[in-house]
Every structure is written in C-alpha cells, then in structure tokens.
Amino acid sequence: MACKDKHNLPVGINLILIQEEELVKESVVTMTYHAKMCPQCEDPQCLKACQANAIYKDNNGFILIDERKCIGCGNCVTSCPFNAIFIYPEQKKAIKCDGCVEEIKNGEMPCCVQACPMNCLTYENKPLND
C-alpha cells in the first residue's frame, strides 16, 4: 500500500506483489511469502526494447523511466521477463519500481521497506555514485 500511495497507482497496478505459497507436508501447513518487483536487472531487456529511449540505467544501477520521453508503446511491458512494468491507463506512460531511488539518495529506505510491519522486506544499502 505504501508503494501505491507514493505513486498514486490505480486499481490493478501494483509495483510490488506479495506472492503466497502454501506447502503441506505431513498435515502441517507452512505459508511463505515472496515479494515480486523489478529486480533492477544488470542487462535489462526493457531498456533494449524501448524505442523512445525513455528507459535508462542510472549511475547507481537503478533502471528508471523518463516519463517525458515515454510514448506508451508497451514494448517494455512485453519484453520484461518479470512482468514488472505497467502502463498507466490515463497517462499512457510506463511505470515500474524505481527502487525509491530518491529516498535512497536521501539516506532513507524504500517506502515498501519502511512500511513492512514485520520487517520482512529489507534493502541492501549500496554506495551511491552520484
């Protein structure tokens, strides 16, 4: 919800998904939860597919979208093997997890990490280059 609030996301668009997995073994049920979001790829397919050059990798390795350049063609959406890019319905622009790069630059944690009540989400702080 913190991510949806930060980005003012409409219903149906979630930049971070929590996937439930139920394992039953000898009548014992175990639930695990996995956070699914843009992994900030080393070699991003979305960047290669963007015909408008709106997707770029910043000096710190974050994959970002310049919405001023985005033409909403959806090539990035179909090229992403993680299903982590969406098109805003109203703006017709691509959006994905940006790793809360501005928060990181200000010494804060990503909004999903800050909001996680059980401290299950973490962020490995790496030195920033810019």
C-alpha atoms as a PDB file:
ATOM      1  CA  MET A   1       0.000   0.000   0.000  1.00  0.00           C
ATOM      2  CA  ALA A   2       2.910   2.370   0.678  1.00  0.00           C
ATOM      3  CA  CYS A   3       4.079   1.973  -2.907  1.00  0.00           C
ATOM      4  CA  LYS A   4       0.558   2.500  -4.274  1.00  0.00           C
ATOM      5  CA  ASP A   5       0.246   5.654  -2.158  1.00  0.00           C
ATOM      6  CA  LYS A   6       3.658   7.011  -3.182  1.00  0.00           C
ATOM      7  CA  HIS A   7       2.997   6.556  -6.890  1.00  0.00           C
ATOM      8  CA  ASN A   8      -0.766   7.214  -6.765  1.00  0.00           C
ATOM      9  CA  LEU A   9      -1.378   3.908  -8.537  1.00  0.00           C
ATOM     10  CA  PRO A  10      -4.826   2.949  -9.782  1.00  0.00           C
ATOM     11  CA  VAL A  11      -6.550  -0.347  -9.025  1.00  0.00           C
ATOM     12  CA  GLY A  12      -4.870  -3.182 -10.891  1.00  0.00           C
ATOM     13  CA  ILE A  13      -1.352  -1.752 -10.902  1.00  0.00           C
ATOM     14  CA  ASN A  14       0.975  -2.906  -8.136  1.00  0.00           C
ATOM     15  CA  LEU A  15       4.714  -2.338  -8.438  1.00  0.00           C
ATOM     16  CA  ILE A  16       5.355  -4.838  -5.673  1.00  0.00           C
ATOM     17  CA  LEU A  17       3.364  -8.025  -5.360  1.00  0.00           C
ATOM     18  CA  ILE A  18       3.384 -10.386  -2.406  1.00  0.00           C
ATOM     19  CA  GLN A  19       3.026 -13.946  -3.645  1.00  0.00           C
ATOM     20  CA  GLU A  20       1.715 -16.566  -1.207  1.00  0.00           C
ATOM     21  CA  GLU A  21       2.949 -20.114  -1.332  1.00  0.00           C
ATOM     22  CA  GLU A  22       1.337 -22.876   0.699  1.00  0.00           C
ATOM     23  CA  LEU A  23       3.284 -26.042   1.443  1.00  0.00           C
ATOM     24  CA  VAL A  24       1.547 -29.012   3.037  1.00  0.00           C
ATOM     25  CA  LYS A  25       3.809 -31.706   4.396  1.00  0.00           C
ATOM     26  CA  GLU A  26       2.586 -34.444   6.742  1.00  0.00           C
ATOM     27  CA  SER A  27      -0.556 -32.469   7.640  1.00  0.00           C
ATOM     28  CA  VAL A  28       1.471 -29.360   8.532  1.00  0.00           C
ATOM     29  CA  VAL A  29       0.725 -26.260   6.506  1.00  0.00           C
ATOM     30  CA  THR A  30       3.512 -23.748   6.028  1.00  0.00           C
ATOM     31  CA  MET A  31       2.927 -20.405   4.343  1.00  0.00           C
ATOM     32  CA  THR A  32       5.729 -18.458   2.718  1.00  0.00           C
ATOM     33  CA  TYR A  33       5.524 -15.066   1.103  1.00  0.00           C
ATOM     34  CA  HIS A  34       7.721 -13.753  -1.701  1.00  0.00           C
ATOM     35  CA  ALA A  35       7.994 -10.131  -2.753  1.00  0.00           C
ATOM     36  CA  LYS A  36       7.958  -9.742  -6.526  1.00  0.00           C
ATOM     37  CA  MET A  37       9.109  -6.465  -8.041  1.00  0.00           C
ATOM     38  CA  CYS A  38      11.501  -5.138 -10.644  1.00  0.00           C
ATOM     39  CA  PRO A  39      14.884  -6.707  -9.854  1.00  0.00           C
ATOM     40  CA  GLN A  40      16.798  -3.772 -11.407  1.00  0.00           C
ATOM     41  CA  CYS A  41      18.445  -6.109 -13.946  1.00  0.00           C
ATOM     42  CA  GLU A  42      22.100  -5.969 -14.824  1.00  0.00           C
ATOM     43  CA  ASP A  43      21.202  -6.336 -18.523  1.00  0.00           C
ATOM     44  CA  PRO A  44      17.614  -5.004 -18.722  1.00  0.00           C
ATOM     45  CA  GLN A  45      15.523  -6.229 -21.643  1.00  0.00           C
ATOM     46  CA  CYS A  46      13.093  -3.351 -21.136  1.00  0.00           C
ATOM     47  CA  LEU A  47      15.855  -0.835 -21.803  1.00  0.00           C
ATOM     48  CA  LYS A  48      16.770  -2.602 -25.060  1.00  0.00           C
ATOM     49  CA  ALA A  49      13.117  -2.755 -26.152  1.00  0.00           C
ATOM     50  CA  CYS A  50      12.326   0.916 -25.516  1.00  0.00           C
ATOM     51  CA  GLN A  51      12.126   2.583 -28.913  1.00  0.00           C
ATOM     52  CA  ALA A  52      11.829   6.055 -27.345  1.00  0.00           C
ATOM     53  CA  ASN A  53      14.998   5.714 -25.227  1.00  0.00           C
ATOM     54  CA  ALA A  54      12.877   6.538 -22.177  1.00  0.00           C
ATOM     55  CA  ILE A  55      14.375   3.729 -20.063  1.00  0.00           C
ATOM     56  CA  TYR A  56      17.882   4.125 -18.735  1.00  0.00           C
ATOM     57  CA  LYS A  57      20.209   2.817 -16.067  1.00  0.00           C
ATOM     58  CA  ASP A  58      21.483   5.498 -13.721  1.00  0.00           C
ATOM     59  CA  ASN A  59      24.998   5.638 -12.263  1.00  0.00           C
ATOM     60  CA  ASN A  60      23.873   3.538  -9.296  1.00  0.00           C
ATOM     61  CA  GLY A  61      22.344   0.717 -11.334  1.00  0.00           C
ATOM     62  CA  PHE A  62      18.687   1.709 -10.916  1.00  0.00           C
ATOM     63  CA  ILE A  63      16.580   1.138 -14.025  1.00  0.00           C
ATOM     64  CA  LEU A  64      14.442   4.249 -14.440  1.00  0.00           C
ATOM     65  CA  ILE A  65      11.831   5.550 -16.863  1.00  0.00           C
ATOM     66  CA  ASP A  66      11.845   9.136 -18.086  1.00  0.00           C
ATOM     67  CA  GLU A  67       8.109   9.666 -18.443  1.00  0.00           C
ATOM     68  CA  ARG A  68       8.690  12.773 -20.570  1.00  0.00           C
ATOM     69  CA  LYS A  69      10.217  10.537 -23.252  1.00  0.00           C
ATOM     70  CA  CYS A  70       7.861   7.568 -22.843  1.00  0.00           C
ATOM     71  CA  ILE A  71       5.442   7.185 -25.739  1.00  0.00           C
ATOM     72  CA  GLY A  72       3.409   4.399 -24.102  1.00  0.00           C
ATOM     73  CA  CYS A  73       4.100   1.846 -26.839  1.00  0.00           C
ATOM     74  CA  GLY A  74       4.295  -1.033 -24.334  1.00  0.00           C
ATOM     75  CA  ASN A  75       7.444  -2.632 -25.777  1.00  0.00           C
ATOM     76  CA  CYS A  76       8.988  -2.538 -22.310  1.00  0.00           C
ATOM     77  CA  VAL A  77       5.953  -4.292 -20.833  1.00  0.00           C
ATOM     78  CA  THR A  78       6.112  -7.210 -23.245  1.00  0.00           C
ATOM     79  CA  SER A  79       9.903  -7.512 -23.040  1.00  0.00           C
ATOM     80  CA  CYS A  80      10.131  -7.663 -19.242  1.00  0.00           C
ATOM     81  CA  PRO A  81      10.538 -11.308 -18.164  1.00  0.00           C
ATOM     82  CA  PHE A  82       9.375 -10.398 -14.637  1.00  0.00           C
ATOM     83  CA  ASN A  83       6.062  -8.738 -15.602  1.00  0.00           C
ATOM     84  CA  ALA A  84       7.233  -5.746 -13.595  1.00  0.00           C
ATOM     85  CA  ILE A  85       6.322  -2.885 -15.948  1.00  0.00           C
ATOM     86  CA  PHE A  86       2.854  -1.449 -16.426  1.00  0.00           C
ATOM     87  CA  ILE A  87       1.209   1.269 -18.482  1.00  0.00           C
ATOM     88  CA  TYR A  88      -0.709   3.905 -16.539  1.00  0.00           C
ATOM     89  CA  PRO A  89      -4.231   3.767 -18.028  1.00  0.00           C
ATOM     90  CA  GLU A  90      -4.831   7.538 -18.003  1.00  0.00           C
ATOM     91  CA  GLN A  91      -1.350   8.878 -18.740  1.00  0.00           C
ATOM     92  CA  LYS A  92      -0.474   6.103 -21.221  1.00  0.00           C
ATOM     93  CA  LYS A  93       3.073   6.051 -19.793  1.00  0.00           C
ATOM     94  CA  ALA A  94       5.137   3.162 -18.493  1.00  0.00           C
ATOM     95  CA  ILE A  95       5.806   2.748 -14.780  1.00  0.00           C
ATOM     96  CA  LYS A  96       7.856   0.272 -12.776  1.00  0.00           C
ATOM     97  CA  CYS A  97       9.521   0.032  -9.399  1.00  0.00           C
ATOM     98  CA  ASP A  98      12.256   2.640  -9.303  1.00  0.00           C
ATOM     99  CA  GLY A  99      13.744   1.272  -6.097  1.00  0.00           C
ATOM    100  CA  CYS A 100      12.668   4.508  -4.396  1.00  0.00           C
ATOM    101  CA  VAL A 101      15.887   5.983  -5.731  1.00  0.00           C
ATOM    102  CA  GLU A 102      15.119   9.453  -4.345  1.00  0.00           C
ATOM    103  CA  GLU A 103      14.581   8.054  -0.853  1.00  0.00           C
ATOM    104  CA  ILE A 104      17.836   6.084  -1.115  1.00  0.00           C
ATOM    105  CA  LYS A 105      19.702   9.230  -2.196  1.00  0.00           C
ATOM    106  CA  ASN A 106      18.314  10.953   0.920  1.00  0.00           C
ATOM    107  CA  GLY A 107      19.558   8.155   3.184  1.00  0.00           C
ATOM    108  CA  GLU A 108      16.109   6.607   3.652  1.00  0.00           C
ATOM    109  CA  MET A 109      14.838   3.124   2.932  1.00  0.00           C
ATOM    110  CA  PRO A 110      12.418   2.361   0.062  1.00  0.00           C
ATOM    111  CA  CYS A 111       8.800   3.013   1.017  1.00  0.00           C
ATOM    112  CA  CYS A 112       7.915  -0.721   0.944  1.00  0.00           C
ATOM    113  CA  VAL A 113      10.716  -1.479   3.423  1.00  0.00           C
ATOM    114  CA  GLN A 114       9.689   1.401   5.680  1.00  0.00           C
ATOM    115  CA  ALA A 115       6.069   0.233   5.679  1.00  0.00           C
ATOM    116  CA  CYS A 116       6.620  -3.508   6.216  1.00  0.00           C
ATOM    117  CA  PRO A 117       5.184  -4.155   9.705  1.00  0.00           C
ATOM    118  CA  MET A 118       7.086  -7.420  10.224  1.00  0.00           C
ATOM    119  CA  ASN A 119      10.424  -6.149   8.868  1.00  0.00           C
ATOM    120  CA  CYS A 120      10.399  -8.903   6.251  1.00  0.00           C
ATOM    121  CA  LEU A 121      11.413  -6.586   3.432  1.00  0.00           C
ATOM    122  CA  THR A 122      14.966  -5.326   3.544  1.00  0.00           C
ATOM    123  CA  TYR A 123      17.180  -3.210   1.356  1.00  0.00           C
ATOM    124  CA  GLU A 124      20.869  -3.856   0.906  1.00  0.00           C
ATOM    125  CA  ASN A 125      22.297  -0.398   1.008  1.00  0.00           C
ATOM    126  CA  LYS A 126      24.986   0.050  -1.604  1.00  0.00           C
ATOM    127  CA  PRO A 127      27.159   3.134  -2.015  1.00  0.00           C
ATOM    128  CA  LEU A 128      25.718   5.658  -4.442  1.00  0.00           C
ATOM    129  CA  ASN A 129      27.872   7.022  -7.230  1.00  0.00           C
ATOM    130  CA  ASP A 130      26.179  10.366  -7.854  1.00  0.00           C
END
